[in-house]
């Protein structure tokens, strides 16, 4: 998608947040406030940023940047948290363990919890449980056709974040890219 944007003279940067990928900071020490501050710091160091594009949970940490926002399928933190917990419960069940949502929340309030491969500390859990995307007056919200929520635009394609294995969906990439291109150039 970033290559498609580049073809239309729109530069794009995908920053790594602290505690992710090659970061020297431990994942279990991160929370939404730290990520939002890191994203703001990154945007202040970038060369002439003009827009912000966020996907899903990215809309929970982009609010400190005062630029027009484009968001694909923004989601409340509680929804992300519940999805990760259901994934953990299913994995535990396959391993012969019986885990419940209440068991996980109890543990999450006192210890680091591994949810879907993410090491989340009690503060991150607390923040996710109450986090909602901040609405700016200049926010464009785009959703997938399968979502029954308010949107400025709808794109065809399935929720790639729910796939068991990564795969390409060039029709979805094209639809998202075209909407971003039209929005930035609009």
Protein backbone atom coordinates (compact mmCIF):
# COMPACT_ATOMS: atom_id res chain seq x y z
CA UNK A 1 0.00 0.00 0.00
CA UNK A 2 2.84 2.38 0.80
CA UNK A 3 4.29 1.70 -2.65
CA UNK A 4 0.94 2.60 -4.24
CA UNK A 5 0.93 5.87 -2.28
CA UNK A 6 4.47 6.59 -3.45
CA UNK A 7 3.36 6.11 -7.07
CA UNK A 8 1.02 9.06 -6.45
CA UNK A 9 3.77 11.21 -4.87
CA UNK A 10 2.50 10.60 -1.34
CA UNK A 11 5.28 9.63 1.03
CA UNK A 12 4.44 7.28 3.88
CA UNK A 13 6.27 6.23 7.01
CA UNK A 14 5.38 3.25 9.18
CA UNK A 15 7.06 3.80 12.56
CA UNK A 16 7.92 1.00 14.96
CA UNK A 17 6.62 1.73 18.42
CA UNK A 18 8.75 1.11 21.53
CA UNK A 19 8.55 -2.51 22.64
CA UNK A 20 7.72 -3.78 19.15
CA UNK A 21 9.80 -5.44 16.45
CA UNK A 22 13.51 -4.59 16.90
CA UNK A 23 12.99 -2.19 19.82
CA UNK A 24 15.46 -2.40 22.69
CA UNK A 25 12.64 -1.55 25.10
CA UNK A 26 10.74 -4.48 26.61
CA UNK A 27 7.21 -4.99 25.35
CA UNK A 28 5.88 -5.67 28.84
CA UNK A 29 6.93 -2.14 29.92
CA UNK A 30 4.76 -0.38 27.31
CA UNK A 31 1.31 1.17 27.62
CA UNK A 32 -0.93 3.29 25.40
CA UNK A 33 0.33 6.58 26.88
CA UNK A 34 3.94 5.67 26.10
CA UNK A 35 3.01 4.68 22.55
CA UNK A 36 1.02 7.89 21.99
CA UNK A 37 3.97 9.97 23.24
CA UNK A 38 6.41 8.03 21.06
CA UNK A 39 4.19 8.53 18.02
CA UNK A 40 3.97 12.27 18.73
CA UNK A 41 7.76 12.46 19.09
CA UNK A 42 8.18 10.59 15.83
CA UNK A 43 5.79 12.93 14.00
CA UNK A 44 7.69 15.96 15.33
CA UNK A 45 10.92 14.55 13.89
CA UNK A 46 9.42 13.59 10.52
CA UNK A 47 9.90 15.93 7.59
CA UNK A 48 6.73 17.97 7.09
CA UNK A 49 4.00 15.46 7.96
CA UNK A 50 0.58 16.49 6.67
CA UNK A 51 -1.76 13.60 7.51
CA UNK A 52 -2.10 10.62 9.85
CA UNK A 53 -3.42 7.23 8.75
CA UNK A 54 -4.24 4.66 11.42
CA UNK A 55 -5.50 1.11 11.28
CA UNK A 56 -7.64 -0.50 14.00
CA UNK A 57 -5.90 -0.05 17.37
CA UNK A 58 -3.58 2.60 15.95
CA UNK A 59 -6.51 4.96 16.43
CA UNK A 60 -6.00 4.61 20.19
CA UNK A 61 -2.53 6.19 20.10
CA UNK A 62 -2.67 8.78 17.28
CA UNK A 63 -4.61 11.45 19.19
CA UNK A 64 -1.65 13.62 20.22
CA UNK A 65 -0.85 14.46 16.60
CA UNK A 66 -2.86 17.48 15.48
CA UNK A 67 -3.19 16.73 11.78
CA UNK A 68 -6.09 15.41 9.68
CA UNK A 69 -6.71 11.75 10.54
CA UNK A 70 -7.72 8.88 8.26
CA UNK A 71 -8.70 5.69 10.06
CA UNK A 72 -9.47 2.20 8.86
CA UNK A 73 -11.82 0.29 11.16
CA UNK A 74 -11.02 2.17 14.37
CA UNK A 75 -11.77 0.06 17.39
CA UNK A 76 -12.24 0.53 21.11
CA UNK A 77 -9.50 -0.86 23.32
CA UNK A 78 -11.95 -3.12 25.14
CA UNK A 79 -12.80 -4.83 21.85
CA UNK A 80 -9.11 -5.49 21.13
CA UNK A 81 -8.60 -6.74 24.66
CA UNK A 82 -11.56 -9.14 24.45
CA UNK A 83 -10.39 -10.49 21.09
CA UNK A 84 -6.90 -11.16 22.48
CA UNK A 85 -8.39 -12.83 25.54
CA UNK A 86 -10.62 -15.08 23.42
CA UNK A 87 -7.53 -16.06 21.43
CA UNK A 88 -5.71 -16.91 24.67
CA UNK A 89 -8.69 -18.92 25.97
CA UNK A 90 -8.83 -20.92 22.71
CA UNK A 91 -5.06 -21.59 22.83
CA UNK A 92 -5.28 -22.65 26.47
CA UNK A 93 -8.16 -24.99 25.63
CA UNK A 94 -6.07 -26.65 22.89
CA UNK A 95 -3.37 -27.18 25.52
CA UNK A 96 -5.86 -28.79 27.89
CA UNK A 97 -6.19 -25.76 30.17
CA UNK A 98 -9.45 -24.24 31.29
CA UNK A 99 -9.21 -20.45 31.34
CA UNK A 100 -12.00 -17.88 31.54
CA UNK A 101 -12.21 -14.19 30.73
CA UNK A 102 -12.58 -13.39 34.44
CA UNK A 103 -9.47 -15.51 35.25
CA UNK A 104 -7.45 -13.56 32.71
CA UNK A 105 -8.70 -10.17 33.94
CA UNK A 106 -7.87 -11.10 37.52
CA UNK A 107 -4.33 -12.06 36.51
CA UNK A 108 -4.02 -8.97 34.28
CA UNK A 109 -4.62 -6.62 37.22
CA UNK A 110 -1.51 -7.85 39.04
CA UNK A 111 0.88 -9.50 36.54
CA UNK A 112 2.13 -9.25 32.98
CA UNK A 113 -0.21 -11.28 30.79
CA UNK A 114 0.60 -12.94 27.47
CA UNK A 115 -2.33 -12.31 25.13
CA UNK A 116 -1.98 -13.42 21.51
CA UNK A 117 1.81 -13.14 21.76
CA UNK A 118 1.70 -9.69 23.38
CA UNK A 119 3.13 -9.18 26.86
CA UNK A 120 0.77 -6.68 28.48
CA UNK A 121 1.31 -5.15 31.91
CA UNK A 122 -1.51 -4.18 34.30
CA UNK A 123 -1.39 -0.51 33.21
CA UNK A 124 -1.70 -1.46 29.53
CA UNK A 125 -4.66 -3.72 30.35
CA UNK A 126 -6.32 -0.92 32.34
CA UNK A 127 -5.78 1.60 29.54
CA UNK A 128 -7.00 -0.79 26.84
CA UNK A 129 -10.11 -1.61 28.83
CA UNK A 130 -11.23 2.03 28.72
CA UNK A 131 -9.55 3.39 25.55
CA UNK A 132 -11.60 4.85 22.73
CA UNK A 133 -10.45 6.58 19.56
CA UNK A 134 -10.42 10.35 19.98
CA UNK A 135 -12.60 12.04 17.39
CA UNK A 136 -11.17 15.03 15.57
CA UNK A 137 -13.33 17.29 13.42
CA UNK A 138 -11.19 16.37 10.41
CA UNK A 139 -11.26 12.57 10.78
CA UNK A 140 -12.19 10.33 7.87
CA UNK A 141 -13.38 6.89 8.99
CA UNK A 142 -13.25 4.02 6.52
CA UNK A 143 -14.67 0.59 7.30
CA UNK A 144 -14.85 -2.81 5.69
CA UNK A 145 -18.13 -3.82 4.10
CA UNK A 146 -18.62 -6.45 6.84
CA UNK A 147 -18.70 -3.81 9.59
CA UNK A 148 -22.09 -2.49 10.61
CA UNK A 149 -20.83 0.83 11.97
CA UNK A 150 -20.92 4.44 10.83
CA UNK A 151 -18.29 5.37 8.26
CA UNK A 152 -17.39 8.02 5.73
CA UNK A 153 -16.54 5.30 3.21
CA UNK A 154 -16.80 1.53 2.83
CA UNK A 155 -14.16 -0.68 1.18
CA UNK A 156 -14.64 -4.24 -0.01
CA UNK A 157 -12.57 -6.90 1.69
CA UNK A 158 -12.36 -9.09 4.73
CA UNK A 159 -10.82 -8.31 8.12
CA UNK A 160 -7.17 -9.17 7.44
CA UNK A 161 -6.36 -8.85 11.15
CA UNK A 162 -8.43 -11.97 11.84
CA UNK A 163 -6.62 -14.21 9.37
CA UNK A 164 -4.72 -17.14 10.82
CA UNK A 165 -1.96 -16.67 8.24
CA UNK A 166 -0.87 -13.46 6.50
CA UNK A 167 -1.86 -13.18 2.86
CA UNK A 168 -2.22 -10.57 0.16
CA UNK A 169 -5.55 -9.07 -0.82
CA UNK A 170 -4.65 -6.74 -3.67
CA UNK A 171 -8.26 -5.65 -4.18
CA UNK A 172 -8.40 -4.46 -0.58
CA UNK A 173 -4.96 -2.82 -0.85
CA UNK A 174 -6.14 -0.99 -3.96
CA UNK A 175 -9.40 0.13 -2.35
CA UNK A 176 -7.65 1.42 0.79
CA UNK A 177 -4.90 3.09 -1.23
CA UNK A 178 -7.38 4.77 -3.56
CA UNK A 179 -9.36 6.18 -0.65
CA UNK A 180 -6.20 7.47 1.02
CA UNK A 181 -4.96 9.01 -2.23
CA UNK A 182 -8.30 10.74 -2.87
CA UNK A 183 -8.44 11.99 0.74
CA UNK A 184 -4.88 13.34 0.80
CA UNK A 185 -5.26 15.00 -2.61
CA UNK A 186 -8.82 16.19 -1.89
